[in-house]
Amino acid sequence: RRLAEQGARVDLLIFYRTPQDGSILGALDPRVTLLHLMPVRLGADHEHSLQKGLALLLFPLFALWWAVTRRLGKYDIVHANLILASVFVWVCSLFWLWRSASRPRWVETFHADLPTLRGWENALFHFLWKRRDRLIVELRKRDFVLLQRSLGAGRVVYIPFGIHLLEPPAPEAMEAVRRETGGLPVILSVTRLNQREKK
């Protein structure tokens, strides 16, 4: 949003539509252009249907078409997040020489812990990340160090867990909370629970 407000051209490529998209897309800056990879509309984000299976089977062909036609060549930066986007960007990146000055810069954001990945997911992500100019991670410090060793320290960037408050609470409000808790810190963790992570 901030880049669009500053006048940068920002396009958002989505693979397929779901009803859950509405709240996110409605909050986008009107200057952001919405692009669709596949003309598919699913009933839910995590549905298991024949239509989604067909879309995933056709996905490599769409990615290959975008790669061969070099549709990403008009962008300075191409950002990926999550596994489908990571595979898509990897396929497209194969059609540019790594040292080419005209190619986009490939950037990926990864917001998970490496230990929560299955073995094949970990291997796949490491393979895909080798073709990234920057990998922005929100990891435990030891996982960050491991990635720096395997991909190169200059290519992996760390962002800390947590949120930045837009407006700090008033001192009176903080004092009231401290009195309630006996001076103990008040912590809010915003997360989702993954079945694999419930131990």
N, C-alpha and C. Protein backbone atom coordinates (compact mmCIF):
# COMPACT_ATOMS: atom_id res chain seq x y z
N ARG A 1 0.82 -1.18 0.00
CA ARG A 1 0.00 0.00 0.00
C ARG A 1 0.88 1.26 0.00
N ARG A 2 1.91 1.25 0.86
CA ARG A 2 2.75 2.45 0.97
C ARG A 2 3.46 2.75 -0.34
N LEU A 3 3.94 1.72 -1.05
CA LEU A 3 4.61 1.95 -2.33
C LEU A 3 3.66 2.57 -3.34
N ALA A 4 2.43 2.09 -3.39
CA ALA A 4 1.44 2.66 -4.31
C ALA A 4 1.15 4.11 -3.95
N GLU A 5 1.06 4.40 -2.66
CA GLU A 5 0.83 5.78 -2.22
C GLU A 5 1.97 6.70 -2.63
N GLN A 6 3.18 6.15 -2.71
CA GLN A 6 4.35 6.94 -3.09
C GLN A 6 4.51 7.04 -4.61
N GLY A 7 3.59 6.43 -5.36
CA GLY A 7 3.62 6.56 -6.81
C GLY A 7 4.22 5.37 -7.54
N ALA A 8 4.66 4.34 -6.84
CA ALA A 8 5.22 3.17 -7.52
C ALA A 8 4.09 2.37 -8.16
N ARG A 9 4.40 1.73 -9.27
CA ARG A 9 3.42 0.85 -9.90
C ARG A 9 3.48 -0.49 -9.17
N VAL A 10 2.34 -0.94 -8.66
CA VAL A 10 2.27 -2.20 -7.94
C VAL A 10 1.15 -3.03 -8.56
N ASP A 11 1.50 -4.23 -9.02
CA ASP A 11 0.52 -5.18 -9.54
C ASP A 11 0.49 -6.37 -8.61
N LEU A 12 -0.69 -6.96 -8.44
CA LEU A 12 -0.87 -8.12 -7.59
C LEU A 12 -1.39 -9.26 -8.45
N LEU A 13 -0.61 -10.33 -8.56
CA LEU A 13 -1.00 -11.50 -9.35
C LEU A 13 -1.56 -12.55 -8.41
N ILE A 14 -2.82 -12.93 -8.62
CA ILE A 14 -3.41 -14.00 -7.82
C ILE A 14 -3.68 -15.18 -8.72
N PHE A 15 -3.54 -16.37 -8.16
CA PHE A 15 -3.64 -17.59 -8.97
C PHE A 15 -5.08 -17.98 -9.23
N TYR A 16 -5.93 -17.92 -8.22
CA TYR A 16 -7.34 -18.22 -8.37
C TYR A 16 -8.11 -17.42 -7.33
N ARG A 17 -9.40 -17.23 -7.55
CA ARG A 17 -10.22 -16.43 -6.65
C ARG A 17 -10.97 -17.30 -5.66
N THR A 18 -11.18 -16.76 -4.45
CA THR A 18 -12.00 -17.41 -3.43
C THR A 18 -12.84 -16.32 -2.76
N PRO A 19 -13.92 -16.69 -2.08
CA PRO A 19 -14.72 -15.67 -1.38
C PRO A 19 -13.92 -14.91 -0.32
N GLN A 20 -12.90 -15.55 0.27
CA GLN A 20 -12.10 -14.89 1.30
C GLN A 20 -11.28 -13.73 0.74
N ASP A 21 -11.09 -13.69 -0.57
CA ASP A 21 -10.29 -12.62 -1.18
C ASP A 21 -10.89 -11.25 -0.95
N GLY A 22 -12.23 -11.20 -0.86
CA GLY A 22 -12.93 -9.91 -0.82
C GLY A 22 -12.41 -8.95 0.22
N SER A 23 -12.21 -9.42 1.45
CA SER A 23 -11.79 -8.52 2.51
C SER A 23 -10.38 -7.97 2.26
N ILE A 24 -9.52 -8.80 1.71
CA ILE A 24 -8.14 -8.36 1.44
C ILE A 24 -8.11 -7.42 0.23
N LEU A 25 -8.77 -7.83 -0.85
CA LEU A 25 -8.76 -7.03 -2.06
C LEU A 25 -9.47 -5.70 -1.87
N GLY A 26 -10.49 -5.70 -1.00
CA GLY A 26 -11.21 -4.46 -0.72
C GLY A 26 -10.36 -3.43 0.00
N ALA A 27 -9.34 -3.88 0.72
CA ALA A 27 -8.47 -2.97 1.47
C ALA A 27 -7.29 -2.47 0.64
N LEU A 28 -7.15 -2.98 -0.59
CA LEU A 28 -6.02 -2.56 -1.42
C LEU A 28 -6.16 -1.11 -1.86
N ASP A 29 -5.04 -0.46 -2.04
CA ASP A 29 -5.04 0.87 -2.62
C ASP A 29 -5.62 0.76 -4.03
N PRO A 30 -6.50 1.68 -4.44
CA PRO A 30 -7.12 1.58 -5.77
C PRO A 30 -6.10 1.65 -6.92
N ARG A 31 -4.90 2.11 -6.63
CA ARG A 31 -3.88 2.18 -7.70
C ARG A 31 -3.19 0.84 -7.94
N VAL A 32 -3.44 -0.15 -7.09
CA VAL A 32 -2.87 -1.48 -7.28
C VAL A 32 -3.68 -2.21 -8.34
N THR A 33 -3.00 -2.74 -9.35
CA THR A 33 -3.67 -3.47 -10.43
C THR A 33 -3.74 -4.95 -10.07
N LEU A 34 -4.90 -5.52 -10.24
CA LEU A 34 -5.12 -6.93 -9.93
C LEU A 34 -5.03 -7.75 -11.21
N LEU A 35 -4.15 -8.76 -11.22
CA LEU A 35 -3.97 -9.66 -12.35
C LEU A 35 -4.36 -11.06 -11.93
N HIS A 36 -4.90 -11.85 -12.87
CA HIS A 36 -5.31 -13.23 -12.58
C HIS A 36 -4.49 -14.19 -13.42
N LEU A 37 -3.94 -15.21 -12.78
CA LEU A 37 -3.19 -16.23 -13.51
C LEU A 37 -4.13 -17.21 -14.20
N MET A 38 -5.14 -17.67 -13.47
CA MET A 38 -6.05 -18.67 -14.01
C MET A 38 -7.50 -18.22 -13.81
N PRO A 39 -8.37 -18.48 -14.77
CA PRO A 39 -9.78 -18.08 -14.61
C PRO A 39 -10.55 -19.10 -13.76
N VAL A 40 -10.15 -19.23 -12.50
CA VAL A 40 -10.73 -20.24 -11.61
C VAL A 40 -11.26 -19.54 -10.37
N ARG A 41 -12.48 -19.89 -9.97
CA ARG A 41 -13.07 -19.37 -8.74
C ARG A 41 -13.45 -20.55 -7.86
N LEU A 42 -12.81 -20.63 -6.69
CA LEU A 42 -13.06 -21.73 -5.77
C LEU A 42 -14.05 -21.31 -4.68
N GLY A 43 -14.71 -22.30 -4.08
CA GLY A 43 -15.67 -22.02 -3.02
C GLY A 43 -15.03 -21.62 -1.70
N ALA A 44 -13.79 -22.06 -1.48
CA ALA A 44 -13.08 -21.74 -0.24
C ALA A 44 -11.58 -21.83 -0.50
N ASP A 45 -10.83 -21.17 0.35
CA ASP A 45 -9.38 -21.11 0.18
C ASP A 45 -8.72 -22.48 0.29
N HIS A 46 -9.18 -23.29 1.24
CA HIS A 46 -8.53 -24.58 1.49
C HIS A 46 -9.41 -25.76 1.06
N GLU A 47 -10.21 -25.55 0.03
CA GLU A 47 -11.08 -26.64 -0.41
C GLU A 47 -10.30 -27.70 -1.17
N HIS A 48 -10.78 -28.92 -1.09
CA HIS A 48 -10.21 -30.03 -1.84
C HIS A 48 -11.27 -30.45 -2.85
N SER A 49 -11.14 -29.98 -4.08
CA SER A 49 -12.15 -30.26 -5.10
C SER A 49 -11.46 -30.64 -6.40
N LEU A 50 -12.25 -31.17 -7.31
CA LEU A 50 -11.76 -31.50 -8.63
C LEU A 50 -11.28 -30.24 -9.35
N GLN A 51 -12.03 -29.15 -9.17
CA GLN A 51 -11.67 -27.88 -9.82
C GLN A 51 -10.30 -27.38 -9.33
N LYS A 52 -10.07 -27.46 -8.02
CA LYS A 52 -8.77 -27.02 -7.50
C LYS A 52 -7.67 -27.95 -7.97
N GLY A 53 -7.95 -29.27 -7.99
CA GLY A 53 -6.96 -30.23 -8.49
C GLY A 53 -6.59 -29.95 -9.93
N LEU A 54 -7.60 -29.64 -10.76
CA LEU A 54 -7.35 -29.31 -12.16
C LEU A 54 -6.53 -28.02 -12.28
N ALA A 55 -6.89 -27.03 -11.46
CA ALA A 55 -6.14 -25.76 -11.47
C ALA A 55 -4.68 -25.99 -11.11
N LEU A 56 -4.42 -26.84 -10.12
CA LEU A 56 -3.03 -27.11 -9.72
C LEU A 56 -2.28 -27.90 -10.79
N LEU A 57 -3.00 -28.75 -11.52
CA LEU A 57 -2.36 -29.48 -12.64
C LEU A 57 -2.01 -28.53 -13.78
N LEU A 58 -2.87 -27.54 -14.03
CA LEU A 58 -2.63 -26.57 -15.11
C LEU A 58 -1.64 -25.48 -14.71
N PHE A 59 -1.44 -25.32 -13.41
CA PHE A 59 -0.58 -24.26 -12.90
C PHE A 59 0.80 -24.22 -13.56
N PRO A 60 1.52 -25.36 -13.70
CA PRO A 60 2.84 -25.30 -14.33
C PRO A 60 2.78 -24.79 -15.77
N LEU A 61 1.72 -25.10 -16.49
CA LEU A 61 1.59 -24.61 -17.88
C LEU A 61 1.41 -23.10 -17.91
N PHE A 62 0.59 -22.57 -16.99
CA PHE A 62 0.42 -21.12 -16.91
C PHE A 62 1.74 -20.45 -16.52
N ALA A 63 2.44 -21.04 -15.56
CA ALA A 63 3.74 -20.48 -15.13
C ALA A 63 4.72 -20.50 -16.29
N LEU A 64 4.74 -21.60 -17.04
CA LEU A 64 5.64 -21.71 -18.19
C LEU A 64 5.30 -20.66 -19.25
N TRP A 65 4.01 -20.45 -19.48
CA TRP A 65 3.59 -19.45 -20.47
C TRP A 65 4.04 -18.05 -20.05
N TRP A 66 3.87 -17.70 -18.76
CA TRP A 66 4.33 -16.41 -18.27
C TRP A 66 5.85 -16.30 -18.40
N ALA A 67 6.54 -17.41 -18.19
CA ALA A 67 8.00 -17.41 -18.27
C ALA A 67 8.47 -17.22 -19.70
N VAL A 68 7.93 -18.02 -20.63
CA VAL A 68 8.36 -17.98 -22.04
C VAL A 68 8.06 -16.62 -22.66
N THR A 69 6.91 -16.05 -22.33
CA THR A 69 6.54 -14.75 -22.89
C THR A 69 7.19 -13.59 -22.13
N ARG A 70 7.92 -13.91 -21.08
CA ARG A 70 8.66 -12.93 -20.27
C ARG A 70 7.76 -11.78 -19.80
N ARG A 71 6.56 -12.14 -19.37
CA ARG A 71 5.61 -11.13 -18.90
C ARG A 71 6.10 -10.42 -17.65
N LEU A 72 7.02 -11.02 -16.93
CA LEU A 72 7.54 -10.37 -15.72
C LEU A 72 8.68 -9.40 -16.03
N GLY A 73 9.06 -9.31 -17.30
CA GLY A 73 10.17 -8.44 -17.69
C GLY A 73 9.92 -6.96 -17.48
N LYS A 74 8.66 -6.56 -17.33
CA LYS A 74 8.36 -5.14 -17.14
C LYS A 74 8.49 -4.70 -15.68
N TYR A 75 8.79 -5.66 -14.81
CA TYR A 75 8.89 -5.34 -13.38
C TYR A 75 10.34 -5.24 -12.93
N ASP A 76 10.61 -4.34 -12.00
CA ASP A 76 11.93 -4.23 -11.40
C ASP A 76 12.10 -5.27 -10.30
N ILE A 77 11.03 -5.51 -9.55
CA ILE A 77 11.05 -6.45 -8.44
C ILE A 77 9.83 -7.37 -8.55
N VAL A 78 10.07 -8.66 -8.38
CA VAL A 78 8.98 -9.63 -8.32
C VAL A 78 9.07 -10.30 -6.95
N HIS A 79 7.99 -10.17 -6.18
CA HIS A 79 7.95 -10.68 -4.82
C HIS A 79 7.06 -11.91 -4.75
N ALA A 80 7.52 -12.95 -4.04
CA ALA A 80 6.75 -14.18 -3.86
C ALA A 80 6.57 -14.45 -2.38
N ASN A 81 5.44 -15.08 -2.05
CA ASN A 81 5.17 -15.52 -0.69
C ASN A 81 4.32 -16.78 -0.77
N LEU A 82 4.70 -17.80 -0.09
CA LEU A 82 4.06 -19.12 -0.04
C LEU A 82 4.53 -20.00 -1.20
N ILE A 83 4.26 -21.28 -1.10
CA ILE A 83 4.91 -22.27 -1.96
C ILE A 83 4.52 -22.16 -3.44
N LEU A 84 3.23 -21.93 -3.75
CA LEU A 84 2.84 -21.82 -5.16
C LEU A 84 3.52 -20.62 -5.82
N ALA A 85 3.52 -19.50 -5.13
CA ALA A 85 4.17 -18.31 -5.67
C ALA A 85 5.68 -18.54 -5.82
N SER A 86 6.26 -19.26 -4.89
CA SER A 86 7.69 -19.54 -4.95
C SER A 86 8.03 -20.38 -6.17
N VAL A 87 7.22 -21.40 -6.44
CA VAL A 87 7.44 -22.25 -7.63
C VAL A 87 7.24 -21.42 -8.90
N PHE A 88 6.19 -20.61 -8.94
CA PHE A 88 5.90 -19.78 -10.10
C PHE A 88 7.08 -18.86 -10.43
N VAL A 89 7.58 -18.17 -9.41
CA VAL A 89 8.70 -17.24 -9.63
C VAL A 89 9.96 -18.00 -10.04
N TRP A 90 10.17 -19.17 -9.48
CA TRP A 90 11.34 -19.97 -9.87
C TRP A 90 11.28 -20.33 -11.35
N VAL A 91 10.11 -20.79 -11.81
CA VAL A 91 9.95 -21.14 -13.23
C VAL A 91 10.23 -19.92 -14.10
N CYS A 92 9.66 -18.79 -13.75
CA CYS A 92 9.87 -17.57 -14.54
C CYS A 92 11.32 -17.12 -14.52
N SER A 93 11.99 -17.30 -13.39
CA SER A 93 13.38 -16.85 -13.27
C SER A 93 14.34 -17.64 -14.17
N LEU A 94 13.94 -18.85 -14.56
CA LEU A 94 14.81 -19.67 -15.41
C LEU A 94 15.03 -19.07 -16.79
N PHE A 95 14.17 -18.16 -17.20
CA PHE A 95 14.25 -17.61 -18.55
C PHE A 95 15.02 -16.29 -18.61
N TRP A 96 15.74 -15.98 -17.55
CA TRP A 96 16.65 -14.83 -17.55
C TRP A 96 18.02 -15.31 -17.13
N LEU A 97 19.03 -14.77 -17.78
CA LEU A 97 20.39 -15.03 -17.31
C LEU A 97 20.55 -14.34 -15.96
N TRP A 98 21.22 -15.01 -15.03
CA TRP A 98 21.32 -14.49 -13.67
C TRP A 98 22.01 -13.13 -13.63
N ARG A 99 22.97 -12.91 -14.51
CA ARG A 99 23.72 -11.64 -14.49
C ARG A 99 23.11 -10.58 -15.40
N SER A 100 21.97 -10.87 -16.01
CA SER A 100 21.33 -9.93 -16.93
C SER A 100 20.87 -8.67 -16.18
N ALA A 101 21.20 -7.51 -16.72
CA ALA A 101 20.80 -6.26 -16.09
C ALA A 101 19.31 -5.99 -16.27
N SER A 102 18.69 -6.61 -17.28
CA SER A 102 17.28 -6.33 -17.58
C SER A 102 16.31 -7.22 -16.81
N ARG A 103 16.82 -8.20 -16.09
CA ARG A 103 15.91 -9.11 -15.40
C ARG A 103 15.37 -8.47 -14.13
N PRO A 104 14.16 -8.92 -13.71
CA PRO A 104 13.65 -8.45 -12.41
C PRO A 104 14.52 -8.98 -11.28
N ARG A 105 14.43 -8.35 -10.14
CA ARG A 105 15.08 -8.86 -8.94
C ARG A 105 14.04 -9.73 -8.23
N TRP A 106 14.44 -10.94 -7.90
CA TRP A 106 13.54 -11.93 -7.32
C TRP A 106 13.64 -11.88 -5.80
N VAL A 107 12.53 -11.58 -5.14
CA VAL A 107 12.50 -11.43 -3.69
C VAL A 107 11.41 -12.34 -3.14
N GLU A 108 11.69 -13.00 -2.02
CA GLU A 108 10.68 -13.84 -1.39
C GLU A 108 10.64 -13.56 0.10
N THR A 109 9.42 -13.64 0.65
CA THR A 109 9.23 -13.51 2.09
C THR A 109 8.78 -14.86 2.63
N PHE A 110 9.41 -15.29 3.71
CA PHE A 110 9.08 -16.57 4.32
C PHE A 110 8.74 -16.34 5.79
N HIS A 111 7.49 -16.65 6.18
CA HIS A 111 7.02 -16.40 7.54
C HIS A 111 6.70 -17.71 8.25
N ALA A 112 7.64 -18.55 8.44
CA ALA A 112 7.40 -19.82 9.14
C ALA A 112 8.69 -20.25 9.80
N ASP A 113 8.62 -21.31 10.56
CA ASP A 113 9.81 -21.89 11.16
C ASP A 113 10.25 -23.08 10.34
N LEU A 114 11.52 -23.21 10.10
CA LEU A 114 12.03 -24.34 9.33
C LEU A 114 11.67 -25.68 9.95
N PRO A 115 11.70 -25.83 11.30
CA PRO A 115 11.36 -27.15 11.87
C PRO A 115 9.90 -27.58 11.63
N THR A 116 9.01 -26.63 11.33
CA THR A 116 7.61 -27.02 11.09
C THR A 116 7.39 -27.54 9.68
N LEU A 117 8.39 -27.38 8.81
CA LEU A 117 8.27 -27.89 7.45
C LEU A 117 8.53 -29.39 7.43
N ARG A 118 7.84 -30.08 6.54
CA ARG A 118 8.16 -31.49 6.30
C ARG A 118 9.49 -31.53 5.56
N GLY A 119 10.13 -32.69 5.56
CA GLY A 119 11.44 -32.81 4.91
C GLY A 119 11.44 -32.39 3.45
N TRP A 120 10.43 -32.82 2.69
CA TRP A 120 10.37 -32.47 1.27
C TRP A 120 10.11 -30.98 1.07
N GLU A 121 9.31 -30.35 1.99
CA GLU A 121 9.05 -28.91 1.90
C GLU A 121 10.34 -28.12 2.14
N ASN A 122 11.09 -28.54 3.13
CA ASN A 122 12.36 -27.88 3.46
C ASN A 122 13.31 -27.96 2.27
N ALA A 123 13.43 -29.15 1.68
CA ALA A 123 14.32 -29.33 0.53
C ALA A 123 13.85 -28.50 -0.67
N LEU A 124 12.54 -28.48 -0.89
CA LEU A 124 12.00 -27.71 -2.02
C LEU A 124 12.25 -26.22 -1.85
N PHE A 125 11.94 -25.69 -0.66
CA PHE A 125 12.17 -24.26 -0.43
C PHE A 125 13.64 -23.91 -0.60
N HIS A 126 14.55 -24.69 -0.04
CA HIS A 126 15.98 -24.40 -0.20
C HIS A 126 16.38 -24.40 -1.67
N PHE A 127 15.86 -25.33 -2.42
CA PHE A 127 16.13 -25.40 -3.86
C PHE A 127 15.62 -24.13 -4.56
N LEU A 128 14.38 -23.73 -4.28
CA LEU A 128 13.79 -22.55 -4.91
C LEU A 128 14.50 -21.27 -4.50
N TRP A 129 14.91 -21.18 -3.24
CA TRP A 129 15.55 -19.96 -2.73
C TRP A 129 16.90 -19.69 -3.35
N LYS A 130 17.50 -20.69 -3.96
CA LYS A 130 18.82 -20.46 -4.58
C LYS A 130 18.73 -19.49 -5.75
N ARG A 131 17.54 -19.29 -6.30
CA ARG A 131 17.35 -18.34 -7.39
C ARG A 131 16.66 -17.07 -6.90
N ARG A 132 16.92 -16.66 -5.70
CA ARG A 132 16.38 -15.41 -5.15
C ARG A 132 17.52 -14.43 -4.92
N ASP A 133 17.24 -13.17 -5.25
CA ASP A 133 18.21 -12.12 -4.92
C ASP A 133 18.17 -11.81 -3.44
N ARG A 134 16.97 -11.84 -2.86
CA ARG A 134 16.80 -11.60 -1.43
C ARG A 134 15.75 -12.56 -0.89
N LEU A 135 16.02 -13.07 0.28
CA LEU A 135 15.06 -13.88 1.02
C LEU A 135 14.84 -13.16 2.34
N ILE A 136 13.61 -12.73 2.59
CA ILE A 136 13.28 -12.01 3.81
C ILE A 136 12.59 -13.01 4.73
N VAL A 137 13.15 -13.22 5.90
CA VAL A 137 12.66 -14.27 6.78
C VAL A 137 12.27 -13.72 8.15
N GLU A 138 11.33 -14.42 8.76
CA GLU A 138 10.90 -14.15 10.12
C GLU A 138 11.06 -15.48 10.86
N LEU A 139 12.28 -15.74 11.30
CA LEU A 139 12.65 -17.05 11.83
C LEU A 139 13.29 -16.93 13.20
N ARG A 140 13.48 -18.08 13.82
CA ARG A 140 14.33 -18.11 15.00
C ARG A 140 15.75 -17.79 14.56
N LYS A 141 16.51 -17.22 15.45
CA LYS A 141 17.86 -16.76 15.12
C LYS A 141 18.74 -17.89 14.56
N ARG A 142 18.66 -19.09 15.14
CA ARG A 142 19.53 -20.17 14.67
C ARG A 142 19.16 -20.61 13.26
N ASP A 143 17.85 -20.57 12.89
CA ASP A 143 17.45 -20.90 11.52
C ASP A 143 17.93 -19.83 10.54
N PHE A 144 17.88 -18.59 10.99
CA PHE A 144 18.37 -17.48 10.17
C PHE A 144 19.86 -17.66 9.87
N VAL A 145 20.63 -18.03 10.88
CA VAL A 145 22.07 -18.26 10.69
C VAL A 145 22.31 -19.43 9.73
N LEU A 146 21.53 -20.50 9.87
CA LEU A 146 21.65 -21.64 8.95
C LEU A 146 21.39 -21.23 7.50
N LEU A 147 20.35 -20.43 7.29
CA LEU A 147 20.05 -19.98 5.92
C LEU A 147 21.14 -19.07 5.38
N GLN A 148 21.69 -18.22 6.24
CA GLN A 148 22.79 -17.36 5.80
C GLN A 148 23.98 -18.20 5.33
N ARG A 149 24.25 -19.29 6.05
CA ARG A 149 25.37 -20.16 5.66
C ARG A 149 25.11 -20.84 4.33
N SER A 150 23.87 -21.31 4.13
CA SER A 150 23.59 -22.08 2.91
C SER A 150 23.32 -21.20 1.69
N LEU A 151 22.77 -19.99 1.87
CA LEU A 151 22.42 -19.14 0.73
C LEU A 151 23.33 -17.93 0.56
N GLY A 152 24.07 -17.59 1.59
CA GLY A 152 24.93 -16.40 1.53
C GLY A 152 24.37 -15.31 2.42
N ALA A 153 25.19 -14.77 3.27
CA ALA A 153 24.75 -13.80 4.27
C ALA A 153 24.11 -12.56 3.65
N GLY A 154 24.59 -12.12 2.50
CA GLY A 154 24.06 -10.90 1.89
C GLY A 154 22.69 -11.07 1.26
N ARG A 155 22.26 -12.31 1.08
CA ARG A 155 20.97 -12.55 0.41
C ARG A 155 19.82 -12.79 1.36
N VAL A 156 20.11 -13.07 2.63
CA VAL A 156 19.06 -13.38 3.60
C VAL A 156 18.92 -12.20 4.56
N VAL A 157 17.70 -11.69 4.66
CA VAL A 157 17.41 -10.52 5.50
C VAL A 157 16.42 -10.94 6.58
N TYR A 158 16.67 -10.51 7.80
CA TYR A 158 15.85 -10.90 8.94
C TYR A 158 14.90 -9.78 9.33
N ILE A 159 13.62 -10.13 9.55
CA ILE A 159 12.69 -9.18 10.17
C ILE A 159 12.21 -9.83 11.46
N PRO A 160 12.15 -9.08 12.55
CA PRO A 160 11.80 -9.69 13.84
C PRO A 160 10.32 -10.03 13.93
N PHE A 161 10.01 -11.01 14.78
CA PHE A 161 8.62 -11.30 15.10
C PHE A 161 8.03 -10.11 15.83
N GLY A 162 6.72 -9.97 15.77
CA GLY A 162 6.05 -8.93 16.53
C GLY A 162 5.40 -7.91 15.63
N ILE A 163 4.82 -6.92 16.25
CA ILE A 163 4.11 -5.87 15.52
C ILE A 163 4.63 -4.52 15.97
N HIS A 164 4.43 -3.54 15.13
CA HIS A 164 4.80 -2.17 15.45
C HIS A 164 3.50 -1.41 15.72
N LEU A 165 3.39 -0.84 16.89
CA LEU A 165 2.19 -0.08 17.22
C LEU A 165 2.20 1.25 16.48
N LEU A 166 1.11 1.56 15.80
CA LEU A 166 1.03 2.83 15.09
C LEU A 166 0.98 3.99 16.06
N GLU A 167 0.23 3.80 17.15
CA GLU A 167 0.17 4.83 18.19
C GLU A 167 0.45 4.16 19.54
N PRO A 168 1.51 4.55 20.20
CA PRO A 168 1.79 3.93 21.50
C PRO A 168 0.67 4.25 22.50
N PRO A 169 0.39 3.34 23.41
CA PRO A 169 -0.65 3.61 24.40
C PRO A 169 -0.24 4.76 25.32
N ALA A 170 -1.25 5.42 25.83
CA ALA A 170 -1.00 6.53 26.75
C ALA A 170 -0.36 5.98 28.02
N PRO A 171 0.50 6.77 28.69
CA PRO A 171 1.15 6.31 29.92
C PRO A 171 0.15 5.88 30.99
N GLU A 172 -1.01 6.57 31.08
CA GLU A 172 -2.01 6.20 32.09
C GLU A 172 -2.55 4.80 31.82
N ALA A 173 -2.77 4.47 30.54
CA ALA A 173 -3.29 3.16 30.17
C ALA A 173 -2.27 2.08 30.53
N MET A 174 -0.99 2.34 30.27
CA MET A 174 0.06 1.37 30.60
C MET A 174 0.15 1.17 32.12
N GLU A 175 0.01 2.26 32.87
CA GLU A 175 0.08 2.17 34.33
C GLU A 175 -1.09 1.36 34.87
N ALA A 176 -2.28 1.53 34.29
CA ALA A 176 -3.46 0.77 34.72
C ALA A 176 -3.25 -0.72 34.48
N VAL A 177 -2.66 -1.07 33.33
CA VAL A 177 -2.40 -2.48 33.02
C VAL A 177 -1.37 -3.04 33.99
N ARG A 178 -0.34 -2.27 34.31
CA ARG A 178 0.69 -2.74 35.24
C ARG A 178 0.09 -3.02 36.62
N ARG A 179 -0.85 -2.15 37.04
CA ARG A 179 -1.50 -2.37 38.35
C ARG A 179 -2.32 -3.66 38.32
N GLU A 180 -3.01 -3.91 37.20
CA GLU A 180 -3.84 -5.12 37.06
C GLU A 180 -3.00 -6.39 37.11
N THR A 181 -1.83 -6.36 36.52
CA THR A 181 -1.01 -7.57 36.39
C THR A 181 0.07 -7.66 37.47
N GLY A 182 0.11 -6.71 38.38
CA GLY A 182 1.14 -6.73 39.41
C GLY A 182 2.52 -6.46 38.84
N GLY A 183 2.57 -5.70 37.73
CA GLY A 183 3.85 -5.35 37.13
C GLY A 183 4.38 -6.35 36.11
N LEU A 184 3.67 -7.47 35.95
CA LEU A 184 4.11 -8.45 34.94
C LEU A 184 3.81 -7.93 33.54
N PRO A 185 4.60 -8.32 32.55
CA PRO A 185 4.33 -7.85 31.19
C PRO A 185 3.03 -8.45 30.64
N VAL A 186 2.38 -7.71 29.76
CA VAL A 186 1.17 -8.17 29.09
C VAL A 186 1.56 -8.47 27.65
N ILE A 187 1.33 -9.71 27.24
CA ILE A 187 1.80 -10.15 25.92
C ILE A 187 0.62 -10.62 25.09
N LEU A 188 0.57 -10.21 23.86
CA LEU A 188 -0.42 -10.69 22.90
C LEU A 188 0.32 -11.41 21.80
N SER A 189 -0.05 -12.65 21.55
CA SER A 189 0.52 -13.40 20.45
C SER A 189 -0.59 -13.65 19.44
N VAL A 190 -0.40 -13.15 18.24
CA VAL A 190 -1.38 -13.33 17.18
C VAL A 190 -0.83 -14.38 16.24
N THR A 191 -1.54 -15.48 16.08
CA THR A 191 -1.00 -16.59 15.32
C THR A 191 -2.11 -17.47 14.80
N ARG A 192 -1.75 -18.50 14.12
CA ARG A 192 -2.69 -19.55 13.75
C ARG A 192 -2.08 -20.86 14.22
N LEU A 193 -2.93 -21.84 14.47
CA LEU A 193 -2.43 -23.14 14.88
C LEU A 193 -2.50 -24.09 13.70
N ASN A 194 -1.41 -24.71 13.41
CA ASN A 194 -1.34 -25.70 12.36
C ASN A 194 -1.39 -27.06 13.03
N GLN A 195 -2.15 -27.99 12.45
CA GLN A 195 -2.30 -29.30 13.05
C GLN A 195 -0.94 -29.96 13.33
N ARG A 196 0.03 -29.75 12.42
CA ARG A 196 1.35 -30.36 12.60
C ARG A 196 2.10 -29.74 13.77
N GLU A 197 1.74 -28.48 14.13
CA GLU A 197 2.47 -27.77 15.17
C GLU A 197 1.92 -28.06 16.56
N LYS A 198 0.78 -28.75 16.66
CA LYS A 198 0.20 -29.05 17.96
C LYS A 198 0.89 -30.26 18.55
N LYS A 199 1.78 -30.05 19.48
CA LYS A 199 2.54 -31.15 20.04
C LYS A 199 2.23 -31.32 21.50
